[in-house]
Amino acid sequence: MWLATALIIGFLATSLLSFFISRESVRKQISQNALPLTAENVYAEIRKDLLEPVIIAPTMAHNTFLQDWIKSGENNIAAITAFLHSTKEEYNAITAFCVSEQSRNYYYSEGILKKIKAEESRDEWYFRVRDMDEPYELNVDPDLANQDAMTLFINYKIFDKAGQYLGATGIGFTISSFLRLIESYHEKYHREIYFSDLAGNRILEIQTQNDSIPNIKDIPGLQSSAHIILSPKESQILYSKNGNSIHLNTKHIPELNWVMYVEQNESEAIRTIYQALFVNLSLCAMITIIFTILIQRRIRSYQRLTEKQKSEIIHQHTELLLINKDLLQALEKVKRLRGLLPICASCKKIRDDKGYWQQIEVYIKDHSDADFSHGICPDCMKKLYPEYDFDNHDLK
């Protein structure tokens, strides 16, 4: 069984080592190649798709017709309405607007929408734009002209050539259109894509696993890295979310002053590696089972052969013991009749090992399997019976 155990350990070690090496290779591929390349592609498309409104707004603000129309007293409302309508239609926007600092009128493609008032909360955006140092801002607000649909506004300051502040103009796109655009990025690149401002507040977010957390700094796993993520520099972070390893690449979009986040769940990329590990372990188990069965059969066959050989050896050993016993007995008998036998020169008695004198026939009988029958030889016959003539008789 130790061989089967060694085989299992070897298969497991090889499979696990291959898995960990492959996983590290995939992680390196994601963090150094795939994710940065995706981020660059998304960033290029965003600059083309999302930055267009930012380019449109300054074009409107620097338009001499608009500047002259405000400075001339805003007399021809049809002219400004036509200008805003054509801009809206040209760029497929939901609204195009202009607010005069002099009259505080809010103009849009159908005329005057309202008069801006400092005490109204929904007009706070105008006074914030007027007083800020930057030339423009992006903000999300309900659009009064379109039934309060959530709209991304690009609010741009209007100055004349002398640098006098004239008001604010801009363009608006529905949030849903941007969300569809971001969703298209998600489907095209199979990545989670979302945005935040430099304070970490989520912007234009689609349904993601983090959509209940409005600020990047509060997302579990990103708190300690928030200062890196929200810096203008590009960053790469690996963090854990819901038990999954997430690769995150961030890029700063200076024109929008946003941070773009591109995420890739590692589990999708290494799923095939887990499948390969499962296949390897299954093959390991199958091969080990087959190998163990074959080994056990071989061992049982060897044990049967060994038992048979052992039985034969025991039988042969028993026979050899019996033969040896017979040989020893025969040898013992042979040894008894070997060597010098002390014999009397007169009566022919033999002296045994104990010093007793025995008749020769008794001694031989005791020390061999021989037996005796008695008779008289011819010479003794003549000596004992001289009166008989034995020459003419056949005596044996």
Protein backbone atom coordinates (compact mmCIF):
# COMPACT_ATOMS: atom_id res chain seq x y z
CA MET A 1 0.00 0.00 0.00
CA TRP A 2 2.95 2.32 0.51
CA LEU A 3 3.47 2.37 -3.26
CA ALA A 4 -0.15 3.43 -3.84
CA THR A 5 0.22 6.10 -1.15
CA ALA A 6 3.39 7.40 -2.77
CA LEU A 7 1.59 7.48 -6.14
CA ILE A 8 -1.31 9.47 -4.67
CA ILE A 9 1.04 11.95 -2.99
CA GLY A 10 2.99 12.34 -6.22
CA PHE A 11 -0.15 13.00 -8.28
CA LEU A 12 -1.51 15.47 -5.72
CA ALA A 13 1.79 17.33 -5.46
CA THR A 14 2.13 17.57 -9.24
CA SER A 15 -1.49 18.67 -9.77
CA LEU A 16 -1.43 21.29 -7.00
CA LEU A 17 1.95 22.64 -8.09
CA SER A 18 0.68 22.95 -11.66
CA PHE A 19 -2.49 24.68 -10.40
CA PHE A 20 -0.63 27.27 -8.31
CA ILE A 21 1.85 28.01 -11.09
CA SER A 22 -0.97 28.42 -13.63
CA ARG A 23 -2.95 30.64 -11.26
CA GLU A 24 0.03 32.93 -10.69
CA SER A 25 0.59 33.07 -14.43
CA VAL A 26 -3.06 34.06 -15.00
CA ARG A 27 -2.86 36.70 -12.28
CA LYS A 28 0.26 38.15 -13.85
CA GLN A 29 -1.39 38.12 -17.27
CA ILE A 30 -4.45 39.94 -15.91
CA SER A 31 -2.60 42.56 -13.88
CA GLN A 32 0.19 43.30 -16.35
CA ASN A 33 -1.44 42.83 -19.73
CA ALA A 34 -5.15 42.12 -20.11
CA LEU A 35 -6.59 44.58 -17.58
CA PRO A 36 -4.30 47.57 -18.41
CA LEU A 37 -5.01 47.03 -22.12
CA THR A 38 -8.76 46.93 -21.46
CA ALA A 39 -8.50 50.08 -19.34
CA GLU A 40 -6.67 51.86 -22.15
CA ASN A 41 -9.33 50.82 -24.68
CA VAL A 42 -12.18 51.91 -22.42
CA TYR A 43 -10.39 55.15 -21.64
CA ALA A 44 -10.00 55.86 -25.36
CA GLU A 45 -13.71 55.20 -25.97
CA ILE A 46 -14.71 57.34 -23.00
CA ARG A 47 -12.64 60.22 -24.29
CA LYS A 48 -14.52 59.87 -27.55
CA ASP A 49 -18.01 59.31 -26.10
CA LEU A 50 -18.15 61.11 -22.75
CA LEU A 51 -15.82 64.00 -23.44
CA GLU A 52 -17.79 65.22 -26.42
CA PRO A 53 -20.22 67.16 -24.19
CA VAL A 54 -17.26 68.78 -22.46
CA ILE A 55 -16.01 69.94 -25.84
CA ILE A 56 -19.43 71.18 -26.92
CA ALA A 57 -19.96 73.37 -23.85
CA PRO A 58 -16.84 75.54 -24.32
CA THR A 59 -17.68 75.86 -28.00
CA MET A 60 -21.03 77.32 -26.97
CA ALA A 61 -19.46 79.58 -24.33
CA HIS A 62 -16.92 80.98 -26.79
CA ASN A 63 -19.50 81.54 -29.51
CA THR A 64 -19.46 85.26 -30.38
CA PHE A 65 -23.15 85.20 -31.29
CA LEU A 66 -24.07 84.11 -27.77
CA GLN A 67 -21.75 86.64 -26.14
CA ASP A 68 -23.00 89.50 -28.32
CA TRP A 69 -26.63 88.50 -27.81
CA ILE A 70 -26.30 88.70 -24.03
CA LYS A 71 -24.36 91.99 -24.12
CA SER A 72 -26.87 93.53 -26.54
CA GLY A 73 -29.68 93.14 -24.01
CA GLU A 74 -31.18 89.72 -24.86
CA ASN A 75 -33.75 91.25 -27.15
CA ASN A 76 -34.30 88.60 -29.80
CA ILE A 77 -35.46 85.53 -27.80
CA ALA A 78 -36.24 83.62 -30.99
CA ALA A 79 -32.59 83.90 -32.04
CA ILE A 80 -31.24 82.37 -28.81
CA THR A 81 -33.97 79.73 -28.87
CA ALA A 82 -32.98 78.74 -32.41
CA PHE A 83 -29.30 78.62 -31.42
CA LEU A 84 -29.98 76.35 -28.44
CA HIS A 85 -32.36 74.14 -30.44
CA SER A 86 -29.87 73.60 -33.26
CA THR A 87 -27.11 72.77 -30.75
CA LYS A 88 -29.35 70.26 -28.96
CA GLU A 89 -30.35 68.56 -32.21
CA GLU A 90 -26.84 68.53 -33.66
CA TYR A 91 -25.36 66.68 -30.69
CA ASN A 92 -28.42 64.59 -29.84
CA ALA A 93 -28.65 66.10 -26.36
CA ILE A 94 -31.70 66.23 -24.13
CA THR A 95 -31.24 69.96 -23.53
CA ALA A 96 -29.10 72.99 -24.35
CA PHE A 97 -29.36 76.04 -22.10
CA CYS A 98 -28.07 79.50 -21.32
CA VAL A 99 -28.45 81.65 -18.18
CA SER A 100 -27.77 85.40 -18.34
CA GLU A 101 -26.11 86.96 -15.32
CA GLN A 102 -27.77 90.26 -16.17
CA SER A 103 -31.40 89.07 -16.37
CA ARG A 104 -31.08 85.72 -14.56
CA ASN A 105 -33.29 84.24 -17.27
CA TYR A 106 -32.90 80.50 -17.96
CA TYR A 107 -33.16 80.04 -21.75
CA TYR A 108 -33.61 76.65 -23.45
CA SER A 109 -34.64 75.36 -26.89
CA GLU A 110 -38.28 76.42 -26.47
CA GLY A 111 -37.83 79.86 -24.89
CA ILE A 112 -37.51 81.04 -21.29
CA LEU A 113 -37.90 78.23 -18.76
CA LYS A 114 -37.64 80.25 -15.54
CA LYS A 115 -35.79 83.00 -13.73
CA ILE A 116 -32.87 81.90 -11.56
CA LYS A 117 -33.25 82.81 -7.87
CA ALA A 118 -30.63 82.54 -5.16
CA GLU A 119 -33.15 81.38 -2.58
CA GLU A 120 -34.26 78.34 -4.63
CA SER A 121 -32.35 75.14 -3.85
CA ARG A 122 -32.51 73.78 -7.37
CA ASP A 123 -30.82 76.96 -8.63
CA GLU A 124 -27.79 76.58 -6.36
CA TRP A 125 -25.82 75.12 -9.26
CA TYR A 126 -25.74 78.45 -11.08
CA PHE A 127 -24.27 80.42 -8.21
CA ARG A 128 -21.79 77.62 -7.52
CA VAL A 129 -20.61 77.78 -11.14
CA ARG A 130 -20.45 81.58 -11.08
CA ASP A 131 -18.23 81.61 -7.99
CA MET A 132 -15.93 78.65 -8.76
CA ASP A 133 -12.42 79.06 -10.13
CA GLU A 134 -12.67 76.34 -12.77
CA PRO A 135 -14.17 77.25 -16.15
CA TYR A 136 -16.72 74.43 -16.05
CA GLU A 137 -18.21 71.62 -13.99
CA LEU A 138 -20.16 68.42 -14.48
CA ASN A 139 -23.08 67.69 -12.24
CA VAL A 140 -26.12 65.44 -12.19
CA ASP A 141 -29.46 67.12 -11.53
CA PRO A 142 -33.12 66.68 -12.52
CA ASP A 143 -33.94 68.63 -15.67
CA LEU A 144 -36.98 70.84 -15.14
CA ALA A 145 -37.43 71.20 -18.90
CA ASN A 146 -37.73 67.40 -19.32
CA GLN A 147 -40.00 66.33 -16.46
CA ASP A 148 -37.12 66.22 -14.00
CA ALA A 149 -35.32 63.44 -15.84
CA MET A 150 -31.90 62.82 -14.25
CA THR A 151 -29.45 64.62 -16.50
CA LEU A 152 -25.70 65.04 -16.72
CA PHE A 153 -25.08 68.77 -17.20
CA ILE A 154 -21.89 70.40 -18.42
CA ASN A 155 -22.05 73.93 -17.04
CA TYR A 156 -19.59 76.34 -18.64
CA LYS A 157 -18.87 79.98 -17.76
CA ILE A 158 -19.39 82.69 -20.40
CA PHE A 159 -16.90 85.56 -20.54
CA ASP A 160 -16.59 88.33 -23.08
CA LYS A 161 -13.29 89.30 -24.64
CA ALA A 162 -12.60 91.70 -21.81
CA GLY A 163 -13.02 88.90 -19.28
CA GLN A 164 -16.35 90.10 -17.93
CA TYR A 165 -18.60 87.32 -16.62
CA LEU A 166 -21.79 87.12 -18.69
CA GLY A 167 -23.50 83.96 -17.44
CA ALA A 168 -23.41 80.19 -17.92
CA THR A 169 -24.26 77.89 -20.80
CA GLY A 170 -24.05 74.22 -21.46
CA ILE A 171 -25.63 71.03 -22.62
CA GLY A 172 -27.31 68.10 -20.94
CA PHE A 173 -27.51 64.37 -21.64
CA THR A 174 -29.78 61.91 -19.91
CA ILE A 175 -28.13 59.70 -17.34
CA SER A 176 -29.81 56.67 -18.90
CA SER A 177 -27.95 57.25 -22.16
CA PHE A 178 -24.61 57.33 -20.33
CA LEU A 179 -25.57 54.26 -18.32
CA ARG A 180 -26.35 52.44 -21.56
CA LEU A 181 -22.98 53.55 -22.87
CA ILE A 182 -21.21 52.21 -19.77
CA GLU A 183 -23.24 49.02 -19.95
CA SER A 184 -22.06 48.60 -23.55
CA TYR A 185 -18.46 48.85 -22.30
CA HIS A 186 -19.25 46.21 -19.71
CA GLU A 187 -20.70 43.83 -22.29
CA LYS A 188 -17.97 44.49 -24.82
CA TYR A 189 -15.00 43.99 -22.49
CA HIS A 190 -16.62 41.72 -19.87
CA ARG A 191 -15.39 43.94 -17.07
CA GLU A 192 -17.01 45.96 -14.29
CA ILE A 193 -16.63 49.64 -15.18
CA TYR A 194 -17.63 52.53 -12.93
CA PHE A 195 -16.57 56.07 -12.04
CA SER A 196 -16.10 58.37 -9.07
CA ASP A 197 -15.03 61.90 -8.45
CA LEU A 198 -11.73 62.61 -6.68
CA ALA A 199 -13.52 62.47 -3.33
CA GLY A 200 -14.56 58.88 -4.02
CA ASN A 201 -18.27 59.53 -4.66
CA ARG A 202 -19.68 57.11 -7.22
CA ILE A 203 -20.85 58.64 -10.51
CA LEU A 204 -22.92 57.12 -13.30
CA GLU A 205 -22.97 53.68 -11.71
CA ILE A 206 -24.74 50.70 -13.20
CA GLN A 207 -25.91 47.70 -11.19
CA THR A 208 -22.82 46.17 -9.61
CA GLN A 209 -22.04 44.33 -6.44
CA ASN A 210 -20.91 47.61 -4.86
CA ASP A 211 -23.89 49.71 -5.95
CA SER A 212 -25.19 50.00 -2.38
CA ILE A 213 -21.94 51.69 -1.32
CA PRO A 214 -21.92 55.29 -2.57
CA ASN A 215 -18.26 56.04 -1.78
CA ILE A 216 -15.20 54.14 -2.90
CA LYS A 217 -13.57 54.63 0.49
CA ASP A 218 -16.27 52.51 2.12
CA ILE A 219 -15.94 49.47 -0.15
CA PRO A 220 -14.51 46.55 1.86
CA GLY A 221 -10.99 45.79 0.70
CA LEU A 222 -10.39 49.26 -0.77
CA GLN A 223 -10.33 51.41 2.38
CA SER A 224 -6.57 51.09 2.87
CA SER A 225 -5.87 51.76 -0.82
CA ALA A 226 -8.29 54.69 -1.30
CA HIS A 227 -5.54 57.32 -1.19
CA ILE A 228 -3.72 55.53 -4.02
CA ILE A 229 -6.84 54.92 -6.10
CA LEU A 230 -8.08 58.51 -5.87
CA SER A 231 -4.76 60.05 -6.86
CA PRO A 232 -4.24 61.34 -10.42
CA LYS A 233 -1.83 58.48 -11.11
CA GLU A 234 -2.86 55.20 -12.67
CA SER A 235 -3.00 52.38 -10.13
CA GLN A 236 -3.42 48.61 -9.98
CA ILE A 237 -4.94 46.95 -6.93
CA LEU A 238 -5.72 43.33 -6.03
CA TYR A 239 -8.40 43.02 -3.36
CA SER A 240 -10.99 40.56 -2.09
CA LYS A 241 -14.74 41.01 -2.63
CA ASN A 242 -17.34 38.47 -1.54
CA GLY A 243 -14.64 35.83 -1.31
CA ASN A 244 -13.33 36.51 -4.84
CA SER A 245 -10.01 38.02 -5.86
CA ILE A 246 -10.63 41.22 -7.83
CA HIS A 247 -8.08 42.94 -10.05
CA LEU A 248 -8.69 46.70 -10.24
CA ASN A 249 -7.13 49.18 -12.64
CA THR A 250 -7.81 52.91 -12.22
CA LYS A 251 -7.19 55.87 -14.51
CA HIS A 252 -7.71 59.55 -13.90
CA ILE A 253 -9.77 61.43 -16.51
CA PRO A 254 -8.48 64.99 -16.14
CA GLU A 255 -11.08 66.57 -18.47
CA LEU A 256 -13.89 65.29 -16.22
CA ASN A 257 -11.87 65.19 -13.01
CA TRP A 258 -13.14 61.66 -12.56
CA VAL A 259 -11.50 58.36 -11.74
CA MET A 260 -12.35 55.42 -13.97
CA TYR A 261 -12.41 51.93 -12.42
CA VAL A 262 -12.04 48.76 -14.48
CA GLU A 263 -12.45 45.52 -12.53
CA GLN A 264 -11.95 41.90 -13.48
CA ASN A 265 -13.03 38.98 -11.33
CA GLU A 266 -10.18 36.51 -11.18
CA SER A 267 -12.50 33.53 -10.74
CA GLU A 268 -13.72 33.81 -14.33
CA ALA A 269 -10.18 33.63 -15.69
CA ILE A 270 -9.02 30.74 -13.50
CA ARG A 271 -12.21 28.69 -13.84
CA THR A 272 -10.56 26.60 -16.55
CA ILE A 273 -7.59 26.05 -14.22
CA TYR A 274 -9.92 24.77 -11.51
CA GLN A 275 -11.54 22.51 -14.10
CA ALA A 276 -8.11 21.22 -15.14
CA LEU A 277 -7.26 20.62 -11.48
CA PHE A 278 -10.51 18.70 -11.02
CA VAL A 279 -9.80 16.60 -14.12
CA ASN A 280 -6.24 15.92 -12.94
CA LEU A 281 -7.41 14.91 -9.48
CA SER A 282 -10.13 12.71 -10.99
CA LEU A 283 -7.58 11.02 -13.25
CA CYS A 284 -5.29 10.67 -10.24
CA ALA A 285 -8.03 8.98 -8.25
CA MET A 286 -8.99 6.71 -11.16
CA ILE A 287 -5.40 5.70 -11.94
CA THR A 288 -4.69 5.14 -8.25
CA ILE A 289 -7.77 2.94 -7.86
CA ILE A 290 -6.87 0.89 -10.96
CA PHE A 291 -3.25 0.66 -9.86
CA THR A 292 -4.28 -0.37 -6.34
CA ILE A 293 -6.62 -3.06 -7.68
CA LEU A 294 -3.88 -4.44 -9.94
CA ILE A 295 -1.34 -4.36 -7.13
CA GLN A 296 -3.73 -6.11 -4.76
CA ARG A 297 -4.45 -8.79 -7.35
CA ARG A 298 -0.72 -9.22 -7.92
CA ILE A 299 -0.09 -9.40 -4.20
CA ARG A 300 -2.85 -11.98 -3.70
CA SER A 301 -1.45 -14.06 -6.59
CA TYR A 302 2.02 -13.80 -5.10
CA GLN A 303 0.67 -14.73 -1.68
CA ARG A 304 -1.08 -17.81 -3.12
CA LEU A 305 2.13 -18.82 -4.89
CA THR A 306 4.12 -18.21 -1.73
CA GLU A 307 1.72 -20.28 0.34
CA LYS A 308 1.91 -23.10 -2.20
CA GLN A 309 5.68 -22.97 -2.25
CA LYS A 310 5.75 -22.81 1.52
CA SER A 311 3.51 -25.89 1.74
CA GLU A 312 5.73 -27.73 -0.73
CA ILE A 313 8.84 -26.73 1.19
CA ILE A 314 7.31 -27.92 4.47
CA HIS A 315 6.32 -31.22 2.83
CA GLN A 316 9.77 -31.65 1.35
CA HIS A 317 11.35 -30.70 4.65
CA THR A 318 9.24 -33.33 6.44
CA GLU A 319 10.26 -35.96 3.92
CA LEU A 320 13.91 -34.96 4.27
CA LEU A 321 13.64 -35.22 8.04
CA LEU A 322 12.27 -38.74 7.71
CA ILE A 323 14.96 -39.70 5.22
CA ASN A 324 17.62 -38.15 7.45
CA LYS A 325 16.25 -40.10 10.38
CA ASP A 326 16.45 -43.34 8.41
CA LEU A 327 19.94 -42.48 7.24
CA LEU A 328 21.04 -41.62 10.75
CA GLN A 329 19.67 -44.91 12.01
CA ALA A 330 21.41 -46.81 9.21
CA LEU A 331 24.58 -44.86 9.83
CA GLU A 332 24.34 -45.65 13.51
CA LYS A 333 24.04 -49.33 12.72
CA VAL A 334 26.94 -49.14 10.31
CA LYS A 335 29.03 -47.38 12.92
CA ARG A 336 28.33 -50.15 15.43
CA LEU A 337 30.10 -52.77 13.27
CA ARG A 338 33.03 -50.60 12.30
CA GLY A 339 36.38 -50.35 13.96
CA LEU A 340 38.41 -52.96 15.95
CA LEU A 341 36.32 -55.59 17.75
CA PRO A 342 38.11 -57.23 20.73
CA ILE A 343 37.60 -61.03 20.25
CA CYS A 344 38.79 -63.89 22.36
CA ALA A 345 41.42 -66.02 20.56
CA SER A 346 40.11 -69.11 22.21
CA CYS A 347 36.32 -68.95 22.58
CA LYS A 348 35.77 -66.18 20.04
CA LYS A 349 33.66 -64.04 22.40
CA ILE A 350 33.57 -60.31 21.69
CA ARG A 351 34.02 -57.62 24.30
CA ASP A 352 31.44 -54.79 24.06
CA ASP A 353 31.87 -51.11 24.95
CA LYS A 354 30.91 -51.79 28.56
CA GLY A 355 33.61 -54.44 29.01
CA TYR A 356 31.34 -57.47 28.90
CA TRP A 357 32.19 -60.52 26.86
CA GLN A 358 29.42 -61.75 24.62
CA GLN A 359 29.01 -64.61 22.22
CA ILE A 360 29.80 -63.33 18.70
CA GLU A 361 26.30 -64.12 17.44
CA VAL A 362 24.72 -62.21 20.30
CA TYR A 363 26.93 -59.19 19.70
CA ILE A 364 26.22 -59.06 15.96
CA LYS A 365 22.52 -59.54 16.54
CA ASP A 366 22.47 -56.63 19.01
CA HIS A 367 24.41 -54.37 16.72
CA SER A 368 22.78 -55.15 13.38
CA ASP A 369 19.65 -56.47 11.83
CA ALA A 370 21.29 -59.86 11.19
CA ASP A 371 20.03 -63.07 12.83
CA PHE A 372 21.59 -66.54 13.21
CA SER A 373 20.66 -70.12 12.55
CA HIS A 374 22.91 -72.91 13.86
CA GLY A 375 24.63 -75.73 11.95
CA ILE A 376 27.98 -77.72 11.95
CA CYS A 377 30.71 -77.27 9.37
CA PRO A 378 32.49 -80.41 7.95
CA ASP A 379 35.68 -79.89 9.87
CA CYS A 380 33.83 -79.66 13.16
CA MET A 381 31.70 -82.63 12.17
CA LYS A 382 34.82 -84.83 11.76
CA LYS A 383 36.18 -83.54 15.04
CA LEU A 384 33.02 -84.12 16.94
CA TYR A 385 31.96 -87.31 15.26
CA PRO A 386 35.12 -89.19 14.21
CA GLU A 387 33.31 -92.52 14.09
CA TYR A 388 31.40 -91.42 10.99
CA ASP A 389 32.84 -91.39 7.48
CA PHE A 390 31.77 -88.16 6.01
CA ASP A 391 33.93 -88.24 2.90
CA ASN A 392 31.36 -90.13 0.90
CA HIS A 393 28.54 -87.82 1.97
CA ASP A 394 27.55 -84.43 0.60
CA LEU A 395 27.58 -82.31 3.70
CA LYS A 396 26.73 -78.68 3.42
